[in-house]
Amino acid sequence: MATTMVQAWIGELESSKEFFDRATRELTEADASFAPAKGMMTAVQQVAHVAQTIDWFVEGITRPEGFDLDFAKHIPAVTKITAMK
């Protein structure tokens, strides 16, 4: 039973990664600085935010104190990102 659940979770992660890759593979450096409106995250910052969220989730389920819910603390790392590579 546990193995089946783990395999299902792995399948979900792989499916999510494939969707994300399809949605972002056409982004170029020319797209990196695009933001829908002033004050919103740029395209590259959105990509960085997704990566940061995955790290945040893994950390949250593995550390004794759980999830770090101080979201304002996490924003500066994302807003420093300016390039796709």
PDB file of N, CA and C in Angstrom:
ATOM      1  N   MET A   1       0.819  -1.196   0.000  1.00  0.00           N
ATOM      2  CA  MET A   1       0.000   0.000   0.000  1.00  0.00           C
ATOM      3  C   MET A   1       0.864   1.262   0.000  1.00  0.00           C
ATOM      4  N   ALA A   2       1.836   1.351   0.898  1.00  0.00           N
ATOM      5  CA  ALA A   2       2.696   2.540   0.978  1.00  0.00           C
ATOM      6  C   ALA A   2       3.478   2.736  -0.309  1.00  0.00           C
ATOM      7  N   THR A   3       3.965   1.635  -0.891  1.00  0.00           N
ATOM      8  CA  THR A   3       4.711   1.724  -2.146  1.00  0.00           C
ATOM      9  C   THR A   3       3.824   2.285  -3.249  1.00  0.00           C
ATOM     10  N   THR A   4       2.576   1.871  -3.296  1.00  0.00           N
ATOM     11  CA  THR A   4       1.646   2.366  -4.307  1.00  0.00           C
ATOM     12  C   THR A   4       1.415   3.861  -4.144  1.00  0.00           C
ATOM     13  N   MET A   5       1.292   4.319  -2.901  1.00  0.00           N
ATOM     14  CA  MET A   5       1.097   5.748  -2.659  1.00  0.00           C
ATOM     15  C   MET A   5       2.322   6.547  -3.078  1.00  0.00           C
ATOM     16  N   VAL A   6       3.498   6.047  -2.753  1.00  0.00           N
ATOM     17  CA  VAL A   6       4.737   6.735  -3.137  1.00  0.00           C
ATOM     18  C   VAL A   6       4.835   6.795  -4.655  1.00  0.00           C
ATOM     19  N   GLN A   7       4.526   5.711  -5.319  1.00  0.00           N
ATOM     20  CA  GLN A   7       4.568   5.700  -6.780  1.00  0.00           C
ATOM     21  C   GLN A   7       3.569   6.703  -7.360  1.00  0.00           C
ATOM     22  N   ALA A   8       2.402   6.823  -6.742  1.00  0.00           N
ATOM     23  CA  ALA A   8       1.402   7.788  -7.203  1.00  0.00           C
ATOM     24  C   ALA A   8       1.914   9.214  -7.018  1.00  0.00           C
ATOM     25  N   TRP A   9       2.551   9.479  -5.881  1.00  0.00           N
ATOM     26  CA  TRP A   9       3.102  10.821  -5.635  1.00  0.00           C
ATOM     27  C   TRP A   9       4.213  11.140  -6.628  1.00  0.00           C
ATOM     28  N   ILE A  10       5.061  10.166  -6.883  1.00  0.00           N
ATOM     29  CA  ILE A  10       6.132  10.358  -7.862  1.00  0.00           C
ATOM     30  C   ILE A  10       5.529  10.662  -9.231  1.00  0.00           C
ATOM     31  N   GLY A  11       4.496   9.920  -9.595  1.00  0.00           N
ATOM     32  CA  GLY A  11       3.819  10.165 -10.863  1.00  0.00           C
ATOM     33  C   GLY A  11       3.241  11.571 -10.948  1.00  0.00           C
ATOM     34  N   GLU A  12       2.657  12.040  -9.843  1.00  0.00           N
ATOM     35  CA  GLU A  12       2.109  13.396  -9.806  1.00  0.00           C
ATOM     36  C   GLU A  12       3.211  14.443  -9.973  1.00  0.00           C
ATOM     37  N   LEU A  13       4.328  14.229  -9.284  1.00  0.00           N
ATOM     38  CA  LEU A  13       5.450  15.167  -9.415  1.00  0.00           C
ATOM     39  C   LEU A  13       5.994  15.188 -10.836  1.00  0.00           C
ATOM     40  N   GLU A  14       6.147  14.013 -11.426  1.00  0.00           N
ATOM     41  CA  GLU A  14       6.655  13.942 -12.803  1.00  0.00           C
ATOM     42  C   GLU A  14       5.697  14.619 -13.769  1.00  0.00           C
ATOM     43  N   SER A  15       4.399  14.425 -13.563  1.00  0.00           N
ATOM     44  CA  SER A  15       3.387  15.055 -14.412  1.00  0.00           C
ATOM     45  C   SER A  15       3.422  16.576 -14.256  1.00  0.00           C
ATOM     46  N   SER A  16       3.545  17.044 -13.023  1.00  0.00           N
ATOM     47  CA  SER A  16       3.624  18.486 -12.772  1.00  0.00           C
ATOM     48  C   SER A  16       4.873  19.083 -13.403  1.00  0.00           C
ATOM     49  N   LYS A  17       5.989  18.373 -13.296  1.00  0.00           N
ATOM     50  CA  LYS A  17       7.231  18.861 -13.896  1.00  0.00           C
ATOM     51  C   LYS A  17       7.101  18.943 -15.407  1.00  0.00           C
ATOM     52  N   GLU A  18       6.501  17.945 -16.020  1.00  0.00           N
ATOM     53  CA  GLU A  18       6.322  17.959 -17.477  1.00  0.00           C
ATOM     54  C   GLU A  18       5.439  19.140 -17.893  1.00  0.00           C
ATOM     55  N   PHE A  19       4.360  19.381 -17.151  1.00  0.00           N
ATOM     56  CA  PHE A  19       3.491  20.514 -17.449  1.00  0.00           C
ATOM     57  C   PHE A  19       4.261  21.827 -17.323  1.00  0.00           C
ATOM     58  N   PHE A  20       5.020  21.986 -16.242  1.00  0.00           N
ATOM     59  CA  PHE A  20       5.796  23.201 -16.015  1.00  0.00           C
ATOM     60  C   PHE A  20       6.830  23.393 -17.121  1.00  0.00           C
ATOM     61  N   ASP A  21       7.519  22.313 -17.480  1.00  0.00           N
ATOM     62  CA  ASP A  21       8.513  22.400 -18.558  1.00  0.00           C
ATOM     63  C   ASP A  21       7.874  22.825 -19.871  1.00  0.00           C
ATOM     64  N   ARG A  22       6.707  22.264 -20.198  1.00  0.00           N
ATOM     65  CA  ARG A  22       6.012  22.645 -21.429  1.00  0.00           C
ATOM     66  C   ARG A  22       5.603  24.114 -21.392  1.00  0.00           C
ATOM     67  N   ALA A  23       5.170  24.576 -20.218  1.00  0.00           N
ATOM     68  CA  ALA A  23       4.684  25.944 -20.083  1.00  0.00           C
ATOM     69  C   ALA A  23       5.805  26.972 -20.128  1.00  0.00           C
ATOM     70  N   THR A  24       7.023  26.564 -19.819  1.00  0.00           N
ATOM     71  CA  THR A  24       8.123  27.531 -19.732  1.00  0.00           C
ATOM     72  C   THR A  24       9.216  27.335 -20.780  1.00  0.00           C
ATOM     73  N   ARG A  25       9.175  26.276 -21.539  1.00  0.00           N
ATOM     74  CA  ARG A  25      10.309  25.980 -22.431  1.00  0.00           C
ATOM     75  C   ARG A  25      10.507  27.020 -23.522  1.00  0.00           C
ATOM     76  N   GLU A  26       9.491  27.749 -23.874  1.00  0.00           N
ATOM     77  CA  GLU A  26       9.637  28.758 -24.924  1.00  0.00           C
ATOM     78  C   GLU A  26      10.083  30.121 -24.390  1.00  0.00           C
ATOM     79  N   LEU A  27      10.183  30.251 -23.080  1.00  0.00           N
ATOM     80  CA  LEU A  27      10.650  31.523 -22.517  1.00  0.00           C
ATOM     81  C   LEU A  27      12.118  31.742 -22.863  1.00  0.00           C
ATOM     82  N   THR A  28      12.440  32.967 -23.222  1.00  0.00           N
ATOM     83  CA  THR A  28      13.810  33.334 -23.566  1.00  0.00           C
ATOM     84  C   THR A  28      14.259  34.474 -22.654  1.00  0.00           C
ATOM     85  N   GLU A  29      15.513  34.858 -22.796  1.00  0.00           N
ATOM     86  CA  GLU A  29      16.015  35.994 -22.027  1.00  0.00           C
ATOM     87  C   GLU A  29      15.218  37.261 -22.342  1.00  0.00           C
ATOM     88  N   ALA A  30      14.722  37.362 -23.568  1.00  0.00           N
ATOM     89  CA  ALA A  30      13.908  38.526 -23.935  1.00  0.00           C
ATOM     90  C   ALA A  30      12.607  38.579 -23.130  1.00  0.00           C
ATOM     91  N   ASP A  31      12.130  37.429 -22.677  1.00  0.00           N
ATOM     92  CA  ASP A  31      10.903  37.353 -21.881  1.00  0.00           C
ATOM     93  C   ASP A  31      11.149  37.550 -20.383  1.00  0.00           C
ATOM     94  N   ALA A  32      12.391  37.410 -19.961  1.00  0.00           N
ATOM     95  CA  ALA A  32      12.722  37.367 -18.532  1.00  0.00           C
ATOM     96  C   ALA A  32      12.196  38.554 -17.755  1.00  0.00           C
ATOM     97  N   SER A  33      12.256  39.738 -18.317  1.00  0.00           N
ATOM     98  CA  SER A  33      11.882  40.940 -17.570  1.00  0.00           C
ATOM     99  C   SER A  33      10.416  41.331 -17.726  1.00  0.00           C
ATOM    100  N   PHE A  34       9.652  40.537 -18.470  1.00  0.00           N
ATOM    101  CA  PHE A  34       8.232  40.870 -18.642  1.00  0.00           C
ATOM    102  C   PHE A  34       7.475  40.695 -17.327  1.00  0.00           C
ATOM    103  N   ALA A  35       6.693  41.694 -16.974  1.00  0.00           N
ATOM    104  CA  ALA A  35       5.776  41.629 -15.829  1.00  0.00           C
ATOM    105  C   ALA A  35       4.408  42.102 -16.318  1.00  0.00           C
ATOM    106  N   PRO A  36       3.341  41.439 -15.915  1.00  0.00           N
ATOM    107  CA  PRO A  36       2.002  41.827 -16.389  1.00  0.00           C
ATOM    108  C   PRO A  36       1.618  43.258 -16.003  1.00  0.00           C
ATOM    109  N   ALA A  37       2.119  43.722 -14.877  1.00  0.00           N
ATOM    110  CA  ALA A  37       1.845  45.089 -14.425  1.00  0.00           C
ATOM    111  C   ALA A  37       2.965  45.510 -13.486  1.00  0.00           C
ATOM    112  N   LYS A  38       3.126  46.806 -13.339  1.00  0.00           N
ATOM    113  CA  LYS A  38       4.165  47.333 -12.452  1.00  0.00           C
ATOM    114  C   LYS A  38       3.965  46.780 -11.034  1.00  0.00           C
ATOM    115  N   GLY A  39       5.070  46.357 -10.434  1.00  0.00           N
ATOM    116  CA  GLY A  39       5.017  45.825  -9.082  1.00  0.00           C
ATOM    117  C   GLY A  39       4.761  44.331  -8.999  1.00  0.00           C
ATOM    118  N   MET A  40       4.464  43.688 -10.126  1.00  0.00           N
ATOM    119  CA  MET A  40       4.247  42.237 -10.138  1.00  0.00           C
ATOM    120  C   MET A  40       5.551  41.528 -10.493  1.00  0.00           C
ATOM    121  N   MET A  41       5.640  40.256 -10.176  1.00  0.00           N
ATOM    122  CA  MET A  41       6.837  39.482 -10.503  1.00  0.00           C
ATOM    123  C   MET A  41       7.008  39.381 -12.008  1.00  0.00           C
ATOM    124  N   THR A  42       8.273  39.393 -12.436  1.00  0.00           N
ATOM    125  CA  THR A  42       8.587  39.188 -13.850  1.00  0.00           C
ATOM    126  C   THR A  42       8.453  37.704 -14.173  1.00  0.00           C
ATOM    127  N   ALA A  43       8.541  37.391 -15.453  1.00  0.00           N
ATOM    128  CA  ALA A  43       8.463  35.989 -15.876  1.00  0.00           C
ATOM    129  C   ALA A  43       9.542  35.155 -15.203  1.00  0.00           C
ATOM    130  N   VAL A  44      10.769  35.661 -15.179  1.00  0.00           N
ATOM    131  CA  VAL A  44      11.861  34.899 -14.571  1.00  0.00           C
ATOM    132  C   VAL A  44      11.665  34.768 -13.055  1.00  0.00           C
ATOM    133  N   GLN A  45      11.105  35.777 -12.429  1.00  0.00           N
ATOM    134  CA  GLN A  45      10.847  35.690 -10.995  1.00  0.00           C
ATOM    135  C   GLN A  45       9.739  34.679 -10.693  1.00  0.00           C
ATOM    136  N   GLN A  46       8.771  34.555 -11.581  1.00  0.00           N
ATOM    137  CA  GLN A  46       7.730  33.537 -11.413  1.00  0.00           C
ATOM    138  C   GLN A  46       8.337  32.132 -11.479  1.00  0.00           C
ATOM    139  N   VAL A  47       9.248  31.931 -12.426  1.00  0.00           N
ATOM    140  CA  VAL A  47       9.931  30.635 -12.546  1.00  0.00           C
ATOM    141  C   VAL A  47      10.739  30.362 -11.273  1.00  0.00           C
ATOM    142  N   ALA A  48      11.452  31.376 -10.790  1.00  0.00           N
ATOM    143  CA  ALA A  48      12.234  31.219  -9.559  1.00  0.00           C
ATOM    144  C   ALA A  48      11.326  30.949  -8.365  1.00  0.00           C
ATOM    145  N   HIS A  49      10.169  31.572  -8.345  1.00  0.00           N
ATOM    146  CA  HIS A  49       9.213  31.373  -7.258  1.00  0.00           C
ATOM    147  C   HIS A  49       8.731  29.917  -7.211  1.00  0.00           C
ATOM    148  N   VAL A  50       8.496  29.338  -8.366  1.00  0.00           N
ATOM    149  CA  VAL A  50       8.090  27.926  -8.409  1.00  0.00           C
ATOM    150  C   VAL A  50       9.190  27.046  -7.808  1.00  0.00           C
ATOM    151  N   ALA A  51      10.421  27.278  -8.218  1.00  0.00           N
ATOM    152  CA  ALA A  51      11.541  26.493  -7.674  1.00  0.00           C
ATOM    153  C   ALA A  51      11.647  26.693  -6.168  1.00  0.00           C
ATOM    154  N   GLN A  52      11.510  27.925  -5.723  1.00  0.00           N
ATOM    155  CA  GLN A  52      11.587  28.227  -4.293  1.00  0.00           C
ATOM    156  C   GLN A  52      10.458  27.528  -3.529  1.00  0.00           C
ATOM    157  N   THR A  53       9.280  27.484  -4.112  1.00  0.00           N
ATOM    158  CA  THR A  53       8.140  26.845  -3.453  1.00  0.00           C
ATOM    159  C   THR A  53       8.364  25.354  -3.292  1.00  0.00           C
ATOM    160  N   ILE A  54       8.961  24.728  -4.282  1.00  0.00           N
ATOM    161  CA  ILE A  54       9.262  23.290  -4.171  1.00  0.00           C
ATOM    162  C   ILE A  54      10.252  23.068  -3.033  1.00  0.00           C
ATOM    163  N   ASP A  55      11.305  23.872  -2.980  1.00  0.00           N
ATOM    164  CA  ASP A  55      12.276  23.766  -1.878  1.00  0.00           C
ATOM    165  C   ASP A  55      11.597  24.017  -0.532  1.00  0.00           C
ATOM    166  N   TRP A  56      10.729  25.024  -0.467  1.00  0.00           N
ATOM    167  CA  TRP A  56      10.010  25.366   0.768  1.00  0.00           C
ATOM    168  C   TRP A  56       9.155  24.188   1.223  1.00  0.00           C
ATOM    169  N   PHE A  57       8.473  23.549   0.281  1.00  0.00           N
ATOM    170  CA  PHE A  57       7.612  22.425   0.630  1.00  0.00           C
ATOM    171  C   PHE A  57       8.419  21.248   1.173  1.00  0.00           C
ATOM    172  N   VAL A  58       9.489  20.890   0.473  1.00  0.00           N
ATOM    173  CA  VAL A  58      10.326  19.773   0.932  1.00  0.00           C
ATOM    174  C   VAL A  58      10.892  20.071   2.315  1.00  0.00           C
ATOM    175  N   GLU A  59      11.376  21.290   2.508  1.00  0.00           N
ATOM    176  CA  GLU A  59      11.899  21.675   3.819  1.00  0.00           C
ATOM    177  C   GLU A  59      10.803  21.593   4.884  1.00  0.00           C
ATOM    178  N   GLY A  60       9.626  22.058   4.547  1.00  0.00           N
ATOM    179  CA  GLY A  60       8.523  22.090   5.498  1.00  0.00           C
ATOM    180  C   GLY A  60       8.055  20.728   5.963  1.00  0.00           C
ATOM    181  N   ILE A  61       8.126  19.741   5.076  1.00  0.00           N
ATOM    182  CA  ILE A  61       7.674  18.406   5.480  1.00  0.00           C
ATOM    183  C   ILE A  61       8.780  17.604   6.145  1.00  0.00           C
ATOM    184  N   THR A  62      10.006  18.116   6.110  1.00  0.00           N
ATOM    185  CA  THR A  62      11.114  17.350   6.684  1.00  0.00           C
ATOM    186  C   THR A  62      11.699  17.954   7.957  1.00  0.00           C
ATOM    187  N   ARG A  63      11.382  19.188   8.269  1.00  0.00           N
ATOM    188  CA  ARG A  63      11.966  19.774   9.478  1.00  0.00           C
ATOM    189  C   ARG A  63      10.962  19.693  10.631  1.00  0.00           C
ATOM    190  N   PRO A  64      11.456  19.486  11.829  1.00  0.00           N
ATOM    191  CA  PRO A  64      10.577  19.292  12.988  1.00  0.00           C
ATOM    192  C   PRO A  64       9.596  20.439  13.233  1.00  0.00           C
ATOM    193  N   GLU A  65      10.025  21.675  13.006  1.00  0.00           N
ATOM    194  CA  GLU A  65       9.133  22.805  13.267  1.00  0.00           C
ATOM    195  C   GLU A  65       8.144  23.071  12.145  1.00  0.00           C
ATOM    196  N   GLY A  66       8.209  22.294  11.065  1.00  0.00           N
ATOM    197  CA  GLY A  66       7.240  22.413   9.976  1.00  0.00           C
ATOM    198  C   GLY A  66       7.569  23.539   9.008  1.00  0.00           C
ATOM    199  N   PHE A  67       6.535  24.058   8.395  1.00  0.00           N
ATOM    200  CA  PHE A  67       6.684  25.057   7.344  1.00  0.00           C
ATOM    201  C   PHE A  67       7.027  26.436   7.911  1.00  0.00           C
ATOM    202  N   ASP A  68       7.938  27.134   7.224  1.00  0.00           N
ATOM    203  CA  ASP A  68       8.274  28.515   7.557  1.00  0.00           C
ATOM    204  C   ASP A  68       7.234  29.393   6.859  1.00  0.00           C
ATOM    205  N   LEU A  69       6.335  29.978   7.617  1.00  0.00           N
ATOM    206  CA  LEU A  69       5.247  30.765   7.054  1.00  0.00           C
ATOM    207  C   LEU A  69       5.549  32.265   6.996  1.00  0.00           C
ATOM    208  N   ASP A  70       6.809  32.630   7.167  1.00  0.00           N
ATOM    209  CA  ASP A  70       7.218  34.027   7.045  1.00  0.00           C
ATOM    210  C   ASP A  70       7.499  34.309   5.566  1.00  0.00           C
ATOM    211  N   PHE A  71       6.439  34.463   4.788  1.00  0.00           N
ATOM    212  CA  PHE A  71       6.572  34.596   3.345  1.00  0.00           C
ATOM    213  C   PHE A  71       7.327  35.851   2.928  1.00  0.00           C
ATOM    214  N   ALA A  72       7.194  36.915   3.686  1.00  0.00           N
ATOM    215  CA  ALA A  72       7.918  38.151   3.363  1.00  0.00           C
ATOM    216  C   ALA A  72       9.425  37.923   3.367  1.00  0.00           C
ATOM    217  N   LYS A  73       9.877  36.988   4.168  1.00  0.00           N
ATOM    218  CA  LYS A  73      11.309  36.677   4.238  1.00  0.00           C
ATOM    219  C   LYS A  73      11.800  35.998   2.957  1.00  0.00           C
ATOM    220  N   HIS A  74      10.918  35.301   2.265  1.00  0.00           N
ATOM    221  CA  HIS A  74      11.308  34.540   1.073  1.00  0.00           C
ATOM    222  C   HIS A  74      11.302  35.380  -0.206  1.00  0.00           C
ATOM    223  N   ILE A  75      10.567  36.460  -0.224  1.00  0.00           N
ATOM    224  CA  ILE A  75      10.405  37.267  -1.439  1.00  0.00           C
ATOM    225  C   ILE A  75      11.715  37.868  -1.955  1.00  0.00           C
ATOM    226  N   PRO A  76      12.577  38.432  -1.096  1.00  0.00           N
ATOM    227  CA  PRO A  76      13.800  39.063  -1.623  1.00  0.00           C
ATOM    228  C   PRO A  76      14.675  38.144  -2.478  1.00  0.00           C
ATOM    229  N   ALA A  77      14.747  36.879  -2.147  1.00  0.00           N
ATOM    230  CA  ALA A  77      15.568  35.957  -2.941  1.00  0.00           C
ATOM    231  C   ALA A  77      15.035  35.853  -4.364  1.00  0.00           C
ATOM    232  N   VAL A  78      13.732  35.844  -4.529  1.00  0.00           N
ATOM    233  CA  VAL A  78      13.118  35.739  -5.852  1.00  0.00           C
ATOM    234  C   VAL A  78      13.271  37.039  -6.632  1.00  0.00           C
ATOM    235  N   THR A  79      13.104  38.161  -5.972  1.00  0.00           N
ATOM    236  CA  THR A  79      13.153  39.442  -6.700  1.00  0.00           C
ATOM    237  C   THR A  79      14.555  39.788  -7.182  1.00  0.00           C
ATOM    238  N   LYS A  80      15.577  39.100  -6.674  1.00  0.00           N
ATOM    239  CA  LYS A  80      16.955  39.328  -7.150  1.00  0.00           C
ATOM    240  C   LYS A  80      17.232  38.626  -8.480  1.00  0.00           C
ATOM    241  N   ILE A  81      16.407  37.673  -8.849  1.00  0.00           N
ATOM    242  CA  ILE A  81      16.622  36.893 -10.070  1.00  0.00           C
ATOM    243  C   ILE A  81      16.238  37.746 -11.281  1.00  0.00           C
ATOM    244  N   THR A  82      17.162  37.842 -12.249  1.00  0.00           N
ATOM    245  CA  THR A  82      16.907  38.679 -13.428  1.00  0.00           C
ATOM    246  C   THR A  82      17.149  37.953 -14.749  1.00  0.00           C
ATOM    247  N   ALA A  83      17.719  36.754 -14.710  1.00  0.00           N
ATOM    248  CA  ALA A  83      18.042  36.047 -15.953  1.00  0.00           C
ATOM    249  C   ALA A  83      17.495  34.629 -15.913  1.00  0.00           C
ATOM    250  N   MET A  84      17.129  34.121 -17.078  1.00  0.00           N
ATOM    251  CA  MET A  84      16.575  32.765 -17.174  1.00  0.00           C
ATOM    252  C   MET A  84      17.601  31.694 -16.866  1.00  0.00           C
ATOM    253  N   LYS A  85      18.872  31.964 -17.111  1.00  0.00           N
ATOM    254  CA  LYS A  85      19.890  30.927 -16.895  1.00  0.00           C
ATOM    255  C   LYS A  85      20.805  31.287 -15.784  1.00  0.00           C
TER     256      LYS A  85
END
